[in-house]
């Protein structure tokens, strides 16, 4: 095995993990929305481009989300911020959607997954850039048939993007009148429910070409280094958030995310 390649990969992943941790702490966005495109470009530069590259990025990102989401849920629960009633009610549908998302993702080529990620990331970026905290479509989280429809969609789309519960869960709960701190705390629980079943699936994917120290579609070096760096840098981002107004930064990140998504679409289309 080429140790210079492993060292170069390690250096790139340390930077990616540090960046993801700061942004997650500062803006309250899940690391996956940053990690998936970062992994994609890093692995491509290192020579691991293949028709299955996006599966590796999704699987590895979701593996990190298991750890970060569990830590987040435990921390939020100490403050009594997790709405366990919402979590219990939505968990079966979200898990079902996540499993379906894995089977779809594992059967698609990298270019198709790039296009899906690009389109969904543009939607998330537009919401971050232009969404208003007072927007509402209901006074309480839906139950019955509405929940049966919405909860699997949330899990399904999150797996196709390799992200946890924040990017779709927080806006959904906010739109249904859940206070933002409660929505963020509960969405961390969504992240665990999304990531665990999908990662179990991604660990079994037969990859034709993968970076060193990979099991299925999960790269263990990326997983370990990113977790280590986010543990260090996420508190820095959270401390920064208390010293400055994160709203304009969220808007800027929304535009940045749109540019990243457009670039991924461009590559997927071969332009």
Protein backbone atom coordinates (compact mmCIF):
# COMPACT_ATOMS: atom_id res chain seq x y z
CA UNK A 1 0.00 0.00 0.00
CA UNK A 2 1.32 3.47 -0.91
CA UNK A 3 1.85 5.21 2.45
CA UNK A 4 2.23 8.63 0.79
CA UNK A 5 -1.29 8.22 -0.58
CA UNK A 6 -2.63 7.26 2.87
CA UNK A 7 -0.87 10.29 4.43
CA UNK A 8 -2.23 12.64 1.75
CA UNK A 9 -5.70 11.22 2.29
CA UNK A 10 -5.33 11.63 6.05
CA UNK A 11 -4.25 15.28 5.73
CA UNK A 12 -7.19 16.13 3.46
CA UNK A 13 -9.65 14.37 5.76
CA UNK A 14 -8.34 16.19 8.86
CA UNK A 15 -9.03 19.53 7.15
CA UNK A 16 -12.49 18.34 6.00
CA UNK A 17 -13.36 17.16 9.52
CA UNK A 18 -12.20 20.41 11.11
CA UNK A 19 -14.22 22.50 8.63
CA UNK A 20 -17.33 20.34 9.05
CA UNK A 21 -17.11 20.55 12.85
CA UNK A 22 -16.81 24.35 12.94
CA UNK A 23 -19.71 24.83 10.53
CA UNK A 24 -21.88 22.31 12.38
CA UNK A 25 -21.28 24.12 15.68
CA UNK A 26 -21.60 27.60 14.21
CA UNK A 27 -24.64 27.18 11.97
CA UNK A 28 -26.37 24.14 13.47
CA UNK A 29 -26.20 22.35 10.11
CA UNK A 30 -25.46 18.64 10.03
CA UNK A 31 -21.97 17.64 8.96
CA UNK A 32 -23.26 15.45 6.12
CA UNK A 33 -24.24 18.39 3.92
CA UNK A 34 -20.55 19.42 4.00
CA UNK A 35 -18.94 15.98 4.20
CA UNK A 36 -20.52 14.37 1.12
CA UNK A 37 -19.22 16.90 -1.45
CA UNK A 38 -15.91 17.20 0.45
CA UNK A 39 -15.40 13.42 0.43
CA UNK A 40 -16.36 13.33 -3.25
CA UNK A 41 -13.74 15.89 -4.28
CA UNK A 42 -11.06 14.46 -1.94
CA UNK A 43 -11.46 10.86 -3.13
CA UNK A 44 -11.59 12.03 -6.74
CA UNK A 45 -8.33 14.01 -6.38
CA UNK A 46 -6.70 10.96 -4.75
CA UNK A 47 -7.61 8.82 -7.78
CA UNK A 48 -10.58 6.83 -6.46
CA UNK A 49 -13.15 8.04 -8.97
CA UNK A 50 -15.52 5.24 -9.97
CA UNK A 51 -19.19 4.62 -10.84
CA UNK A 52 -19.67 3.88 -7.10
CA UNK A 53 -17.80 6.87 -5.65
CA UNK A 54 -20.94 8.62 -4.36
CA UNK A 55 -21.98 5.46 -2.51
CA UNK A 56 -18.67 5.60 -0.60
CA UNK A 57 -19.28 9.29 0.21
CA UNK A 58 -22.86 8.66 1.40
CA UNK A 59 -21.96 5.58 3.47
CA UNK A 60 -18.98 7.23 5.16
CA UNK A 61 -20.88 10.44 5.88
CA UNK A 62 -23.79 8.51 7.43
CA UNK A 63 -21.35 6.49 9.58
CA UNK A 64 -19.99 9.73 11.11
CA UNK A 65 -23.58 10.89 11.69
CA UNK A 66 -24.27 7.92 14.00
CA UNK A 67 -21.60 9.16 16.41
CA UNK A 68 -22.30 12.90 16.14
CA UNK A 69 -26.09 12.46 16.39
CA UNK A 70 -25.89 10.21 19.47
CA UNK A 71 -23.61 12.76 21.18
CA UNK A 72 -25.96 15.57 20.20
CA UNK A 73 -29.10 13.79 21.43
CA UNK A 74 -27.47 13.03 24.79
CA UNK A 75 -26.30 16.64 25.20
CA UNK A 76 -29.70 18.09 24.23
CA UNK A 77 -31.56 15.60 26.41
CA UNK A 78 -29.65 16.80 29.50
CA UNK A 79 -31.23 20.19 28.82
CA UNK A 80 -34.67 18.60 28.30
CA UNK A 81 -34.82 19.81 24.70
CA UNK A 82 -35.60 16.52 22.90
CA UNK A 83 -39.28 15.99 22.08
CA UNK A 84 -39.51 12.23 22.63
CA UNK A 85 -43.17 12.12 21.59
CA UNK A 86 -42.32 13.42 18.11
CA UNK A 87 -39.28 11.13 17.93
CA UNK A 88 -41.27 8.00 18.86
CA UNK A 89 -44.11 8.86 16.48
CA UNK A 90 -41.87 9.59 13.50
CA UNK A 91 -39.17 6.94 14.07
CA UNK A 92 -40.84 3.94 12.31
CA UNK A 93 -41.55 5.91 9.13
CA UNK A 94 -38.12 7.57 9.06
CA UNK A 95 -36.37 4.19 9.52
CA UNK A 96 -38.49 2.65 6.75
CA UNK A 97 -37.63 5.52 4.41
CA UNK A 98 -33.93 5.18 5.30
CA UNK A 99 -33.90 1.48 4.40
CA UNK A 100 -35.63 2.17 1.07
CA UNK A 101 -33.14 5.02 0.52
CA UNK A 102 -30.21 2.63 1.00
CA UNK A 103 -31.56 0.10 -1.52
CA UNK A 104 -32.11 2.86 -4.10
CA UNK A 105 -28.70 4.48 -3.44
CA UNK A 106 -26.86 1.14 -3.65
CA UNK A 107 -28.39 0.42 -7.06
CA UNK A 108 -27.67 3.81 -8.68
CA UNK A 109 -24.48 4.92 -10.42
CA UNK A 110 -22.43 7.75 -8.97
CA UNK A 111 -23.57 10.26 -11.61
CA UNK A 112 -27.25 9.69 -10.76
CA UNK A 113 -26.53 10.15 -7.04
CA UNK A 114 -24.53 13.32 -7.82
CA UNK A 115 -27.55 14.75 -9.64
CA UNK A 116 -29.91 13.83 -6.79
CA UNK A 117 -27.54 15.36 -4.23
CA UNK A 118 -27.13 18.49 -6.36
CA UNK A 119 -30.86 19.08 -6.79
CA UNK A 120 -31.70 18.44 -3.12
CA UNK A 121 -28.73 20.52 -1.90
CA UNK A 122 -29.97 23.47 -3.99
CA UNK A 123 -33.37 23.19 -2.25
CA UNK A 124 -31.68 23.07 1.19
CA UNK A 125 -29.40 25.99 0.22
CA UNK A 126 -32.34 28.11 -0.94
CA UNK A 127 -34.16 27.45 2.35
CA UNK A 128 -31.04 28.40 4.33
CA UNK A 129 -30.54 31.55 2.27
CA UNK A 130 -34.14 32.77 2.07
CA UNK A 131 -36.21 30.80 4.63
CA UNK A 132 -37.94 32.78 7.38
CA UNK A 133 -38.31 31.56 10.97
CA UNK A 134 -41.96 32.70 11.08
CA UNK A 135 -43.10 30.55 8.12
CA UNK A 136 -45.77 28.02 9.20
CA UNK A 137 -47.91 25.42 7.44
CA UNK A 138 -49.45 23.97 10.63
CA UNK A 139 -49.76 24.57 14.36
CA UNK A 140 -48.59 21.08 15.42
CA UNK A 141 -46.63 18.18 13.93
CA UNK A 142 -48.88 16.08 11.69
CA UNK A 143 -50.17 12.69 12.79
CA UNK A 144 -52.17 10.00 11.03
CA UNK A 145 -51.90 9.71 7.25
CA UNK A 146 -49.83 12.91 6.88
CA UNK A 147 -47.16 11.50 9.21
CA UNK A 148 -47.29 8.13 7.44
CA UNK A 149 -46.48 9.93 4.16
CA UNK A 150 -44.00 12.55 5.39
CA UNK A 151 -41.83 10.48 7.76
CA UNK A 152 -40.55 7.94 5.17
CA UNK A 153 -39.89 10.77 2.69
CA UNK A 154 -37.70 12.50 5.29
CA UNK A 155 -35.66 9.32 5.90
CA UNK A 156 -35.49 8.45 2.20
CA UNK A 157 -34.23 11.86 1.01
CA UNK A 158 -31.71 12.10 3.86
CA UNK A 159 -30.05 8.80 2.90
CA UNK A 160 -29.90 9.79 -0.77
CA UNK A 161 -27.95 12.88 0.37
CA UNK A 162 -25.88 11.12 3.06
CA UNK A 163 -27.12 13.51 5.74
CA UNK A 164 -28.70 13.26 9.20
CA UNK A 165 -31.98 14.70 10.41
CA UNK A 166 -31.12 18.40 10.45
CA UNK A 167 -31.41 19.58 6.86
CA UNK A 168 -34.96 18.27 6.34
CA UNK A 169 -36.08 17.59 9.92
CA UNK A 170 -35.48 21.06 11.37
CA UNK A 171 -37.32 22.94 8.57
CA UNK A 172 -40.19 20.42 8.72
CA UNK A 173 -40.60 20.83 12.49
CA UNK A 174 -40.20 24.63 12.29
CA UNK A 175 -42.92 24.81 9.64
CA UNK A 176 -45.17 22.87 12.04
CA UNK A 177 -44.60 25.32 14.91
CA UNK A 178 -41.97 23.36 16.89
CA UNK A 179 -39.60 25.87 18.61
CA UNK A 180 -36.20 25.95 16.89
CA UNK A 181 -34.11 24.65 19.84
CA UNK A 182 -36.56 21.75 20.29
CA UNK A 183 -36.51 21.07 16.54
CA UNK A 184 -32.68 20.97 16.42
CA UNK A 185 -32.53 18.64 19.44
CA UNK A 186 -35.20 16.28 18.10
CA UNK A 187 -33.69 16.27 14.59
CA UNK A 188 -30.48 14.88 16.12
CA UNK A 189 -32.60 11.88 17.12
CA UNK A 190 -33.86 11.64 13.54
CA UNK A 191 -30.19 11.47 12.50
CA UNK A 192 -29.57 8.32 14.55
CA UNK A 193 -32.70 6.64 13.13
CA UNK A 194 -31.64 7.55 9.56
CA UNK A 195 -27.97 6.60 9.88
CA UNK A 196 -27.99 3.28 11.78
CA UNK A 197 -30.05 1.11 9.35
CA UNK A 198 -28.57 2.72 6.23
CA UNK A 199 -24.95 2.30 7.41
CA UNK A 200 -25.57 -1.38 8.19
CA UNK A 201 -26.58 -1.64 4.54
CA UNK A 202 -23.65 0.40 3.17
CA UNK A 203 -21.17 -1.83 5.07
CA UNK A 204 -22.32 -4.74 2.88
CA UNK A 205 -22.00 -2.99 -0.51
CA UNK A 206 -19.54 -4.71 -2.87
CA UNK A 207 -17.23 -1.91 -4.09
CA UNK A 208 -15.14 -2.45 -7.24
CA UNK A 209 -12.73 0.38 -6.34
CA UNK A 210 -12.36 2.02 -2.95
CA UNK A 211 -9.82 3.97 -0.87
CA UNK A 212 -7.59 2.02 1.55
CA UNK A 213 -9.13 0.74 4.80
CA UNK A 214 -12.69 0.59 3.51
CA UNK A 215 -15.41 -1.84 4.56
CA UNK A 216 -18.15 -1.94 1.95
CA UNK A 217 -19.04 1.66 1.13
CA UNK A 218 -17.63 3.05 4.42
CA UNK A 219 -14.05 4.34 4.58
CA UNK A 220 -12.71 3.75 8.09
CA UNK A 221 -9.89 6.33 7.86
CA UNK A 222 -12.34 9.06 6.85
CA UNK A 223 -14.77 7.97 9.56
CA UNK A 224 -12.13 8.00 12.34
CA UNK A 225 -10.40 11.24 11.38
CA UNK A 226 -13.59 13.20 10.76
CA UNK A 227 -15.09 12.11 14.09
CA UNK A 228 -11.86 13.05 15.90
CA UNK A 229 -11.74 16.51 14.28
CA UNK A 230 -15.44 17.32 14.74
CA UNK A 231 -15.16 16.48 18.46
CA UNK A 232 -12.43 19.13 18.68
CA UNK A 233 -13.82 21.83 16.38
CA UNK A 234 -17.62 21.67 16.87
CA UNK A 235 -17.34 23.37 20.30
CA UNK A 236 -15.27 26.14 18.65
CA UNK A 237 -18.12 26.74 16.18
CA UNK A 238 -20.69 26.71 18.99
CA UNK A 239 -18.60 29.25 20.96
CA UNK A 240 -18.37 31.47 17.86
CA UNK A 241 -22.16 31.26 17.42
CA UNK A 242 -22.65 32.77 20.89
CA UNK A 243 -20.35 35.70 20.04
CA UNK A 244 -21.88 36.60 16.69
CA UNK A 245 -25.19 36.50 14.84
CA UNK A 246 -25.22 33.25 12.82
CA UNK A 247 -28.21 34.32 10.66
CA UNK A 248 -26.22 36.23 7.98
CA UNK A 249 -23.62 33.44 8.04
CA UNK A 250 -26.38 30.90 7.45
CA UNK A 251 -27.47 32.90 4.42
CA UNK A 252 -23.91 32.99 3.09
CA UNK A 253 -23.56 29.23 3.67
CA UNK A 254 -26.84 28.72 1.80
CA UNK A 255 -25.37 30.46 -1.26
CA UNK A 256 -22.10 28.51 -0.86
CA UNK A 257 -24.07 25.25 -0.74
CA UNK A 258 -25.94 26.19 -3.92
CA UNK A 259 -22.61 26.77 -5.72
CA UNK A 260 -21.25 23.40 -4.50
CA UNK A 261 -24.46 21.71 -5.66
CA UNK A 262 -24.34 23.39 -9.08
CA UNK A 263 -20.72 22.29 -9.50
CA UNK A 264 -21.68 18.70 -8.64
CA UNK A 265 -24.52 18.84 -11.19
CA UNK A 266 -22.07 20.21 -13.76
CA UNK A 267 -19.72 17.27 -13.19
CA UNK A 268 -22.58 14.77 -13.29
CA UNK A 269 -23.66 16.16 -16.67
CA UNK A 270 -20.04 15.97 -17.95
CA UNK A 271 -19.69 19.71 -18.57
